[in-house]
Amino acid sequence: MAAALFASSALADKFPADFKNHGLNGPVRPVTKGGITTFQIFDRKCSSVDYGDGRGENDCHNGNIRSTLIGPDGKTGVYRRAKLDADPGSVLEAV
């Protein structure tokens, strides 16, 4: 399994210059391939990492789903973030 994960990560390109993965992304992170970065969000694929500001909150607790790249200043970035309320079985798509 580790070899398969390594092989698939080797196929992805580096993020755009000076951008990095956001530490609060859930398990579905942005992927850059062929110079195009794709952001995907899926229901319940959230981050349970504590925000670290003492409130004891995280994206899963607050109902957030994010896919974010952070810029060189640590503040600006490129992202998709959503809180979705939809009927079970609904198909939502944003392009």
PDB file of N, CA and C in Angstrom:
ATOM      1  N   MET A   1       0.815  -1.185   0.000  1.00  0.00           N
ATOM      2  CA  MET A   1       0.000   0.000   0.000  1.00  0.00           C
ATOM      3  C   MET A   1       0.864   1.256   0.000  1.00  0.00           C
ATOM      4  N   ALA A   2       1.913   1.276   0.787  1.00  0.00           N
ATOM      5  CA  ALA A   2       2.791   2.443   0.830  1.00  0.00           C
ATOM      6  C   ALA A   2       3.406   2.717  -0.532  1.00  0.00           C
ATOM      7  N   ALA A   3       3.776   1.662  -1.242  1.00  0.00           N
ATOM      8  CA  ALA A   3       4.359   1.837  -2.572  1.00  0.00           C
ATOM      9  C   ALA A   3       3.347   2.435  -3.527  1.00  0.00           C
ATOM     10  N   ALA A   4       2.088   2.024  -3.423  1.00  0.00           N
ATOM     11  CA  ALA A   4       1.048   2.568  -4.290  1.00  0.00           C
ATOM     12  C   ALA A   4       0.826   4.043  -3.997  1.00  0.00           C
ATOM     13  N   LEU A   5       0.825   4.425  -2.730  1.00  0.00           N
ATOM     14  CA  LEU A   5       0.656   5.827  -2.386  1.00  0.00           C
ATOM     15  C   LEU A   5       1.831   6.655  -2.897  1.00  0.00           C
ATOM     16  N   PHE A   6       3.030   6.138  -2.759  1.00  0.00           N
ATOM     17  CA  PHE A   6       4.217   6.841  -3.240  1.00  0.00           C
ATOM     18  C   PHE A   6       4.156   6.993  -4.752  1.00  0.00           C
ATOM     19  N   ALA A   7       3.771   5.933  -5.447  1.00  0.00           N
ATOM     20  CA  ALA A   7       3.727   5.979  -6.905  1.00  0.00           C
ATOM     21  C   ALA A   7       2.704   6.994  -7.383  1.00  0.00           C
ATOM     22  N   SER A   8       1.519   7.041  -6.743  1.00  0.00           N
ATOM     23  CA  SER A   8       0.504   7.991  -7.189  1.00  0.00           C
ATOM     24  C   SER A   8       0.903   9.423  -6.859  1.00  0.00           C
ATOM     25  N   SER A   9       1.572   9.645  -5.725  1.00  0.00           N
ATOM     26  CA  SER A   9       1.991  11.000  -5.404  1.00  0.00           C
ATOM     27  C   SER A   9       3.107  11.464  -6.323  1.00  0.00           C
ATOM     28  N   ALA A  10       3.873  10.531  -6.862  1.00  0.00           N
ATOM     29  CA  ALA A  10       4.947  10.891  -7.781  1.00  0.00           C
ATOM     30  C   ALA A  10       4.388  11.410  -9.104  1.00  0.00           C
ATOM     31  N   LEU A  11       3.140  11.058  -9.422  1.00  0.00           N
ATOM     32  CA  LEU A  11       2.526  11.500 -10.666  1.00  0.00           C
ATOM     33  C   LEU A  11       2.047  12.951 -10.585  1.00  0.00           C
ATOM     34  N   ALA A  12       1.794  13.443  -9.396  1.00  0.00           N
ATOM     35  CA  ALA A  12       1.299  14.808  -9.230  1.00  0.00           C
ATOM     36  C   ALA A  12       2.446  15.802  -9.353  1.00  0.00           C
ATOM     37  N   ASP A  13       2.139  16.979  -9.900  1.00  0.00           N
ATOM     38  CA  ASP A  13       3.119  18.053  -9.996  1.00  0.00           C
ATOM     39  C   ASP A  13       3.197  18.787  -8.665  1.00  0.00           C
ATOM     40  N   LYS A  14       4.216  19.620  -8.537  1.00  0.00           N
ATOM     41  CA  LYS A  14       4.306  20.495  -7.370  1.00  0.00           C
ATOM     42  C   LYS A  14       3.225  21.558  -7.478  1.00  0.00           C
ATOM     43  N   PHE A  15       2.816  22.097  -6.322  1.00  0.00           N
ATOM     44  CA  PHE A  15       1.861  23.194  -6.325  1.00  0.00           C
ATOM     45  C   PHE A  15       2.497  24.403  -7.010  1.00  0.00           C
ATOM     46  N   PRO A  16       1.697  25.401  -7.404  1.00  0.00           N
ATOM     47  CA  PRO A  16       2.280  26.614  -7.992  1.00  0.00           C
ATOM     48  C   PRO A  16       3.356  27.195  -7.073  1.00  0.00           C
ATOM     49  N   ALA A  17       4.278  27.927  -7.651  1.00  0.00           N
ATOM     50  CA  ALA A  17       5.435  28.468  -6.931  1.00  0.00           C
ATOM     51  C   ALA A  17       5.036  29.133  -5.618  1.00  0.00           C
ATOM     52  N   ASP A  18       5.720  28.745  -4.554  1.00  0.00           N
ATOM     53  CA  ASP A  18       5.563  29.313  -3.217  1.00  0.00           C
ATOM     54  C   ASP A  18       4.229  29.012  -2.541  1.00  0.00           C
ATOM     55  N   PHE A  19       3.408  28.132  -3.089  1.00  0.00           N
ATOM     56  CA  PHE A  19       2.165  27.734  -2.447  1.00  0.00           C
ATOM     57  C   PHE A  19       2.344  26.367  -1.814  1.00  0.00           C
ATOM     58  N   LYS A  20       1.622  26.139  -0.706  1.00  0.00           N
ATOM     59  CA  LYS A  20       1.716  24.848  -0.022  1.00  0.00           C
ATOM     60  C   LYS A  20       0.330  24.426   0.465  1.00  0.00           C
ATOM     61  N   ASN A  21       0.211  23.160   0.801  1.00  0.00           N
ATOM     62  CA  ASN A  21      -1.027  22.612   1.317  1.00  0.00           C
ATOM     63  C   ASN A  21      -1.374  23.269   2.655  1.00  0.00           C
ATOM     64  N   HIS A  22      -2.628  23.582   2.868  1.00  0.00           N
ATOM     65  CA  HIS A  22      -3.085  24.155   4.136  1.00  0.00           C
ATOM     66  C   HIS A  22      -3.218  23.042   5.171  1.00  0.00           C
ATOM     67  N   GLY A  23      -2.717  23.249   6.375  1.00  0.00           N
ATOM     68  CA  GLY A  23      -2.730  22.244   7.423  1.00  0.00           C
ATOM     69  C   GLY A  23      -4.111  21.842   7.912  1.00  0.00           C
ATOM     70  N   LEU A  24      -5.140  22.611   7.558  1.00  0.00           N
ATOM     71  CA  LEU A  24      -6.497  22.268   7.971  1.00  0.00           C
ATOM     72  C   LEU A  24      -7.306  21.612   6.864  1.00  0.00           C
ATOM     73  N   ASN A  25      -6.659  21.296   5.729  1.00  0.00           N
ATOM     74  CA  ASN A  25      -7.373  20.565   4.692  1.00  0.00           C
ATOM     75  C   ASN A  25      -7.788  19.203   5.223  1.00  0.00           C
ATOM     76  N   GLY A  26      -8.909  18.729   4.754  1.00  0.00           N
ATOM     77  CA  GLY A  26      -9.333  17.382   5.099  1.00  0.00           C
ATOM     78  C   GLY A  26      -8.534  16.369   4.300  1.00  0.00           C
ATOM     79  N   PRO A  27      -9.021  15.160   4.205  1.00  0.00           N
ATOM     80  CA  PRO A  27      -8.270  14.110   3.512  1.00  0.00           C
ATOM     81  C   PRO A  27      -8.177  14.285   1.994  1.00  0.00           C
ATOM     82  N   VAL A  28      -9.056  15.089   1.392  1.00  0.00           N
ATOM     83  CA  VAL A  28      -9.015  15.332  -0.048  1.00  0.00           C
ATOM     84  C   VAL A  28      -8.330  16.672  -0.272  1.00  0.00           C
ATOM     85  N   ARG A  29      -7.065  16.618  -0.655  1.00  0.00           N
ATOM     86  CA  ARG A  29      -6.254  17.830  -0.785  1.00  0.00           C
ATOM     87  C   ARG A  29      -6.171  18.282  -2.238  1.00  0.00           C
ATOM     88  N   PRO A  30      -5.834  19.550  -2.480  1.00  0.00           N
ATOM     89  CA  PRO A  30      -5.651  20.014  -3.855  1.00  0.00           C
ATOM     90  C   PRO A  30      -4.568  19.191  -4.562  1.00  0.00           C
ATOM     91  N   VAL A  31      -4.743  19.020  -5.863  1.00  0.00           N
ATOM     92  CA  VAL A  31      -3.780  18.271  -6.667  1.00  0.00           C
ATOM     93  C   VAL A  31      -3.425  19.102  -7.891  1.00  0.00           C
ATOM     94  N   THR A  32      -2.134  19.224  -8.183  1.00  0.00           N
ATOM     95  CA  THR A  32      -1.682  19.926  -9.384  1.00  0.00           C
ATOM     96  C   THR A  32      -1.130  18.906 -10.360  1.00  0.00           C
ATOM     97  N   LYS A  33      -1.650  18.924 -11.573  1.00  0.00           N
ATOM     98  CA  LYS A  33      -1.191  18.012 -12.621  1.00  0.00           C
ATOM     99  C   LYS A  33      -1.259  18.763 -13.947  1.00  0.00           C
ATOM    100  N   GLY A  34      -0.172  18.737 -14.693  1.00  0.00           N
ATOM    101  CA  GLY A  34      -0.132  19.439 -15.967  1.00  0.00           C
ATOM    102  C   GLY A  34      -0.300  20.941 -15.819  1.00  0.00           C
ATOM    103  N   GLY A  35       0.124  21.481 -14.665  1.00  0.00           N
ATOM    104  CA  GLY A  35       0.033  22.912 -14.435  1.00  0.00           C
ATOM    105  C   GLY A  35      -1.337  23.395 -13.987  1.00  0.00           C
ATOM    106  N   ILE A  36      -2.288  22.481 -13.798  1.00  0.00           N
ATOM    107  CA  ILE A  36      -3.639  22.846 -13.368  1.00  0.00           C
ATOM    108  C   ILE A  36      -3.870  22.280 -11.969  1.00  0.00           C
ATOM    109  N   THR A  37      -4.277  23.144 -11.051  1.00  0.00           N
ATOM    110  CA  THR A  37      -4.576  22.707  -9.690  1.00  0.00           C
ATOM    111  C   THR A  37      -6.076  22.495  -9.562  1.00  0.00           C
ATOM    112  N   THR A  38      -6.442  21.317  -9.067  1.00  0.00           N
ATOM    113  CA  THR A  38      -7.844  20.947  -8.905  1.00  0.00           C
ATOM    114  C   THR A  38      -8.173  20.900  -7.419  1.00  0.00           C
ATOM    115  N   PHE A  39      -9.282  21.545  -7.050  1.00  0.00           N
ATOM    116  CA  PHE A  39      -9.773  21.549  -5.686  1.00  0.00           C
ATOM    117  C   PHE A  39     -11.074  20.753  -5.672  1.00  0.00           C
ATOM    118  N   GLN A  40     -11.190  19.802  -4.768  1.00  0.00           N
ATOM    119  CA  GLN A  40     -12.406  19.006  -4.653  1.00  0.00           C
ATOM    120  C   GLN A  40     -12.858  18.981  -3.207  1.00  0.00           C
ATOM    121  N   ILE A  41     -14.159  19.030  -3.001  1.00  0.00           N
ATOM    122  CA  ILE A  41     -14.717  18.863  -1.665  1.00  0.00           C
ATOM    123  C   ILE A  41     -15.800  17.792  -1.732  1.00  0.00           C
ATOM    124  N   PHE A  42     -15.862  16.983  -0.686  1.00  0.00           N
ATOM    125  CA  PHE A  42     -16.833  15.908  -0.598  1.00  0.00           C
ATOM    126  C   PHE A  42     -17.494  15.939   0.766  1.00  0.00           C
ATOM    127  N   ASP A  43     -18.763  15.621   0.805  1.00  0.00           N
ATOM    128  CA  ASP A  43     -19.517  15.581   2.050  1.00  0.00           C
ATOM    129  C   ASP A  43     -18.799  14.745   3.101  1.00  0.00           C
ATOM    130  N   ARG A  44     -18.657  15.290   4.273  1.00  0.00           N
ATOM    131  CA  ARG A  44     -18.060  14.645   5.444  1.00  0.00           C
ATOM    132  C   ARG A  44     -16.561  14.364   5.313  1.00  0.00           C
ATOM    133  N   LYS A  45     -15.894  14.904   4.327  1.00  0.00           N
ATOM    134  CA  LYS A  45     -14.435  14.766   4.186  1.00  0.00           C
ATOM    135  C   LYS A  45     -13.800  16.041   4.728  1.00  0.00           C
ATOM    136  N   CYS A  46     -13.921  16.214   6.031  1.00  0.00           N
ATOM    137  CA  CYS A  46     -13.487  17.437   6.695  1.00  0.00           C
ATOM    138  C   CYS A  46     -12.256  17.170   7.560  1.00  0.00           C
ATOM    139  N   SER A  47     -11.688  18.233   8.080  1.00  0.00           N
ATOM    140  CA  SER A  47     -10.520  18.142   8.948  1.00  0.00           C
ATOM    141  C   SER A  47     -10.951  18.180  10.412  1.00  0.00           C
ATOM    142  N   SER A  48     -10.430  17.246  11.192  1.00  0.00           N
ATOM    143  CA  SER A  48     -10.706  17.245  12.628  1.00  0.00           C
ATOM    144  C   SER A  48      -9.556  17.888  13.413  1.00  0.00           C
ATOM    145  N   VAL A  49      -8.635  18.556  12.700  1.00  0.00           N
ATOM    146  CA  VAL A  49      -7.515  19.244  13.346  1.00  0.00           C
ATOM    147  C   VAL A  49      -8.048  20.497  14.039  1.00  0.00           C
ATOM    148  N   ASP A  50      -7.759  20.639  15.334  1.00  0.00           N
ATOM    149  CA  ASP A  50      -8.186  21.788  16.124  1.00  0.00           C
ATOM    150  C   ASP A  50      -7.617  23.071  15.529  1.00  0.00           C
ATOM    151  N   TYR A  51      -8.417  24.138  15.484  1.00  0.00           N
ATOM    152  CA  TYR A  51      -7.972  25.418  14.949  1.00  0.00           C
ATOM    153  C   TYR A  51      -6.784  25.981  15.719  1.00  0.00           C
ATOM    154  N   GLY A  52      -6.621  25.574  16.970  1.00  0.00           N
ATOM    155  CA  GLY A  52      -5.461  25.997  17.740  1.00  0.00           C
ATOM    156  C   GLY A  52      -5.590  27.354  18.398  1.00  0.00           C
ATOM    157  N   ASP A  53      -6.809  27.895  18.432  1.00  0.00           N
ATOM    158  CA  ASP A  53      -6.995  29.211  19.041  1.00  0.00           C
ATOM    159  C   ASP A  53      -7.654  29.122  20.420  1.00  0.00           C
ATOM    160  N   GLY A  54      -7.714  27.906  20.970  1.00  0.00           N
ATOM    161  CA  GLY A  54      -8.241  27.731  22.314  1.00  0.00           C
ATOM    162  C   GLY A  54      -9.738  27.487  22.408  1.00  0.00           C
ATOM    163  N   ARG A  55     -10.449  27.557  21.282  1.00  0.00           N
ATOM    164  CA  ARG A  55     -11.899  27.350  21.322  1.00  0.00           C
ATOM    165  C   ARG A  55     -12.277  25.873  21.261  1.00  0.00           C
ATOM    166  N   GLY A  56     -11.314  25.007  20.890  1.00  0.00           N
ATOM    167  CA  GLY A  56     -11.609  23.582  20.769  1.00  0.00           C
ATOM    168  C   GLY A  56     -12.466  23.246  19.558  1.00  0.00           C
ATOM    169  N   GLU A  57     -12.421  24.083  18.527  1.00  0.00           N
ATOM    170  CA  GLU A  57     -13.239  23.868  17.335  1.00  0.00           C
ATOM    171  C   GLU A  57     -12.382  23.395  16.177  1.00  0.00           C
ATOM    172  N   ASN A  58     -13.044  22.746  15.218  1.00  0.00           N
ATOM    173  CA  ASN A  58     -12.386  22.295  13.991  1.00  0.00           C
ATOM    174  C   ASN A  58     -13.421  22.307  12.869  1.00  0.00           C
ATOM    175  N   ASP A  59     -12.984  22.033  11.653  1.00  0.00           N
ATOM    176  CA  ASP A  59     -13.902  22.071  10.512  1.00  0.00           C
ATOM    177  C   ASP A  59     -15.028  21.048  10.638  1.00  0.00           C
ATOM    178  N   CYS A  60     -14.725  19.831  11.088  1.00  0.00           N
ATOM    179  CA  CYS A  60     -15.777  18.821  11.227  1.00  0.00           C
ATOM    180  C   CYS A  60     -16.837  19.292  12.232  1.00  0.00           C
ATOM    181  N   HIS A  61     -16.390  19.852  13.338  1.00  0.00           N
ATOM    182  CA  HIS A  61     -17.311  20.359  14.368  1.00  0.00           C
ATOM    183  C   HIS A  61     -18.179  21.488  13.822  1.00  0.00           C
ATOM    184  N   ASN A  62     -17.593  22.350  13.010  1.00  0.00           N
ATOM    185  CA  ASN A  62     -18.306  23.519  12.495  1.00  0.00           C
ATOM    186  C   ASN A  62     -19.020  23.277  11.166  1.00  0.00           C
ATOM    187  N   GLY A  63     -18.866  22.092  10.591  1.00  0.00           N
ATOM    188  CA  GLY A  63     -19.541  21.784   9.331  1.00  0.00           C
ATOM    189  C   GLY A  63     -18.855  22.327   8.095  1.00  0.00           C
ATOM    190  N   ASN A  64     -17.557  22.623   8.188  1.00  0.00           N
ATOM    191  CA  ASN A  64     -16.811  23.152   7.040  1.00  0.00           C
ATOM    192  C   ASN A  64     -16.081  22.043   6.302  1.00  0.00           C
ATOM    193  N   ILE A  65     -15.945  22.224   5.015  1.00  0.00           N
ATOM    194  CA  ILE A  65     -15.114  21.361   4.180  1.00  0.00           C
ATOM    195  C   ILE A  65     -14.222  22.309   3.394  1.00  0.00           C
ATOM    196  N   ARG A  66     -12.916  22.049   3.372  1.00  0.00           N
ATOM    197  CA  ARG A  66     -12.038  22.971   2.662  1.00  0.00           C
ATOM    198  C   ARG A  66     -10.998  22.219   1.834  1.00  0.00           C
ATOM    199  N   SER A  67     -10.564  22.884   0.794  1.00  0.00           N
ATOM    200  CA  SER A  67      -9.458  22.441  -0.043  1.00  0.00           C
ATOM    201  C   SER A  67      -8.692  23.715  -0.362  1.00  0.00           C
ATOM    202  N   THR A  68      -7.547  23.908   0.286  1.00  0.00           N
ATOM    203  CA  THR A  68      -6.889  25.215   0.274  1.00  0.00           C
ATOM    204  C   THR A  68      -5.388  25.102   0.025  1.00  0.00           C
ATOM    205  N   LEU A  69      -4.856  26.039  -0.741  1.00  0.00           N
ATOM    206  CA  LEU A  69      -3.418  26.243  -0.855  1.00  0.00           C
ATOM    207  C   LEU A  69      -3.102  27.580  -0.209  1.00  0.00           C
ATOM    208  N   ILE A  70      -2.017  27.635   0.542  1.00  0.00           N
ATOM    209  CA  ILE A  70      -1.614  28.857   1.233  1.00  0.00           C
ATOM    210  C   ILE A  70      -0.421  29.471   0.507  1.00  0.00           C
ATOM    211  N   GLY A  71      -0.464  30.795   0.340  1.00  0.00           N
ATOM    212  CA  GLY A  71       0.601  31.511  -0.340  1.00  0.00           C
ATOM    213  C   GLY A  71       1.817  31.745   0.536  1.00  0.00           C
ATOM    214  N   PRO A  72       2.837  32.358  -0.026  1.00  0.00           N
ATOM    215  CA  PRO A  72       4.108  32.545   0.669  1.00  0.00           C
ATOM    216  C   PRO A  72       4.005  33.384   1.941  1.00  0.00           C
ATOM    217  N   ASP A  73       2.996  34.241   2.048  1.00  0.00           N
ATOM    218  CA  ASP A  73       2.861  35.054   3.265  1.00  0.00           C
ATOM    219  C   ASP A  73       2.118  34.307   4.371  1.00  0.00           C
ATOM    220  N   GLY A  74       1.647  33.098   4.077  1.00  0.00           N
ATOM    221  CA  GLY A  74       0.945  32.303   5.077  1.00  0.00           C
ATOM    222  C   GLY A  74      -0.491  32.719   5.294  1.00  0.00           C
ATOM    223  N   LYS A  75      -0.960  33.713   4.557  1.00  0.00           N
ATOM    224  CA  LYS A  75      -2.323  34.206   4.740  1.00  0.00           C
ATOM    225  C   LYS A  75      -3.159  34.066   3.484  1.00  0.00           C
ATOM    226  N   THR A  76      -2.652  34.563   2.368  1.00  0.00           N
ATOM    227  CA  THR A  76      -3.431  34.516   1.140  1.00  0.00           C
ATOM    228  C   THR A  76      -3.354  33.116   0.550  1.00  0.00           C
ATOM    229  N   GLY A  77      -4.342  32.788  -0.227  1.00  0.00           N
ATOM    230  CA  GLY A  77      -4.328  31.470  -0.822  1.00  0.00           C
ATOM    231  C   GLY A  77      -5.393  31.314  -1.881  1.00  0.00           C
ATOM    232  N   VAL A  78      -5.443  30.123  -2.409  1.00  0.00           N
ATOM    233  CA  VAL A  78      -6.423  29.729  -3.399  1.00  0.00           C
ATOM    234  C   VAL A  78      -7.202  28.604  -2.771  1.00  0.00           C
ATOM    235  N   TYR A  79      -8.511  28.667  -2.806  1.00  0.00           N
ATOM    236  CA  TYR A  79      -9.258  27.666  -2.075  1.00  0.00           C
ATOM    237  C   TYR A  79     -10.662  27.438  -2.596  1.00  0.00           C
ATOM    238  N   ARG A  80     -11.216  26.358  -2.138  1.00  0.00           N
ATOM    239  CA  ARG A  80     -12.638  26.062  -2.226  1.00  0.00           C
ATOM    240  C   ARG A  80     -13.040  25.680  -0.812  1.00  0.00           C
ATOM    241  N   ARG A  81     -14.041  26.338  -0.298  1.00  0.00           N
ATOM    242  CA  ARG A  81     -14.493  26.056   1.059  1.00  0.00           C
ATOM    243  C   ARG A  81     -16.012  26.157   1.052  1.00  0.00           C
ATOM    244  N   ALA A  82     -16.667  25.268   1.758  1.00  0.00           N
ATOM    245  CA  ALA A  82     -18.118  25.286   1.706  1.00  0.00           C
ATOM    246  C   ALA A  82     -18.734  24.691   2.957  1.00  0.00           C
ATOM    247  N   LYS A  83     -19.914  25.154   3.234  1.00  0.00           N
ATOM    248  CA  LYS A  83     -20.776  24.488   4.196  1.00  0.00           C
ATOM    249  C   LYS A  83     -22.036  24.188   3.403  1.00  0.00           C
ATOM    250  N   LEU A  84     -22.306  22.924   3.194  1.00  0.00           N
ATOM    251  CA  LEU A  84     -23.403  22.520   2.332  1.00  0.00           C
ATOM    252  C   LEU A  84     -24.525  21.896   3.145  1.00  0.00           C
ATOM    253  N   ASP A  85     -25.718  22.322   2.865  1.00  0.00           N
ATOM    254  CA  ASP A  85     -26.912  21.694   3.423  1.00  0.00           C
ATOM    255  C   ASP A  85     -27.740  21.245   2.222  1.00  0.00           C
ATOM    256  N   ALA A  86     -27.827  19.941   2.025  1.00  0.00           N
ATOM    257  CA  ALA A  86     -28.559  19.404   0.878  1.00  0.00           C
ATOM    258  C   ALA A  86     -29.236  18.115   1.286  1.00  0.00           C
ATOM    259  N   ASP A  87     -30.266  17.762   0.540  1.00  0.00           N
ATOM    260  CA  ASP A  87     -30.949  16.509   0.791  1.00  0.00           C
ATOM    261  C   ASP A  87     -30.005  15.352   0.513  1.00  0.00           C
ATOM    262  N   PRO A  88     -30.080  14.294   1.326  1.00  0.00           N
ATOM    263  CA  PRO A  88     -29.240  13.112   1.054  1.00  0.00           C
ATOM    264  C   PRO A  88     -29.524  12.601  -0.368  1.00  0.00           C
ATOM    265  N   GLY A  89     -28.495  12.236  -1.061  1.00  0.00           N
ATOM    266  CA  GLY A  89     -28.646  11.737  -2.423  1.00  0.00           C
ATOM    267  C   GLY A  89     -28.586  12.833  -3.475  1.00  0.00           C
ATOM    268  N   SER A  90     -28.559  14.109  -3.062  1.00  0.00           N
ATOM    269  CA  SER A  90     -28.446  15.200  -4.009  1.00  0.00           C
ATOM    270  C   SER A  90     -27.067  15.213  -4.639  1.00  0.00           C
ATOM    271  N   VAL A  91     -27.004  15.692  -5.853  1.00  0.00           N
ATOM    272  CA  VAL A  91     -25.722  15.856  -6.527  1.00  0.00           C
ATOM    273  C   VAL A  91     -25.484  17.341  -6.697  1.00  0.00           C
ATOM    274  N   LEU A  92     -24.395  17.832  -6.124  1.00  0.00           N
ATOM    275  CA  LEU A  92     -24.033  19.249  -6.232  1.00  0.00           C
ATOM    276  C   LEU A  92     -22.714  19.351  -6.972  1.00  0.00           C
ATOM    277  N   GLU A  93     -22.631  20.287  -7.897  1.00  0.00           N
ATOM    278  CA  GLU A  93     -21.382  20.453  -8.650  1.00  0.00           C
ATOM    279  C   GLU A  93     -21.103  21.923  -8.832  1.00  0.00           C
ATOM    280  N   ALA A  94     -19.877  22.315  -8.578  1.00  0.00           N
ATOM    281  CA  ALA A  94     -19.446  23.695  -8.803  1.00  0.00           C
ATOM    282  C   ALA A  94     -18.206  23.653  -9.674  1.00  0.00           C
ATOM    283  N   VAL A  95     -18.183  24.477 -10.683  1.00  0.00           N
ATOM    284  CA  VAL A  95     -17.030  24.502 -11.586  1.00  0.00           C
ATOM    285  C   VAL A  95     -16.461  25.890 -11.611  1.00  0.00           C
TER     286      VAL A  95
END
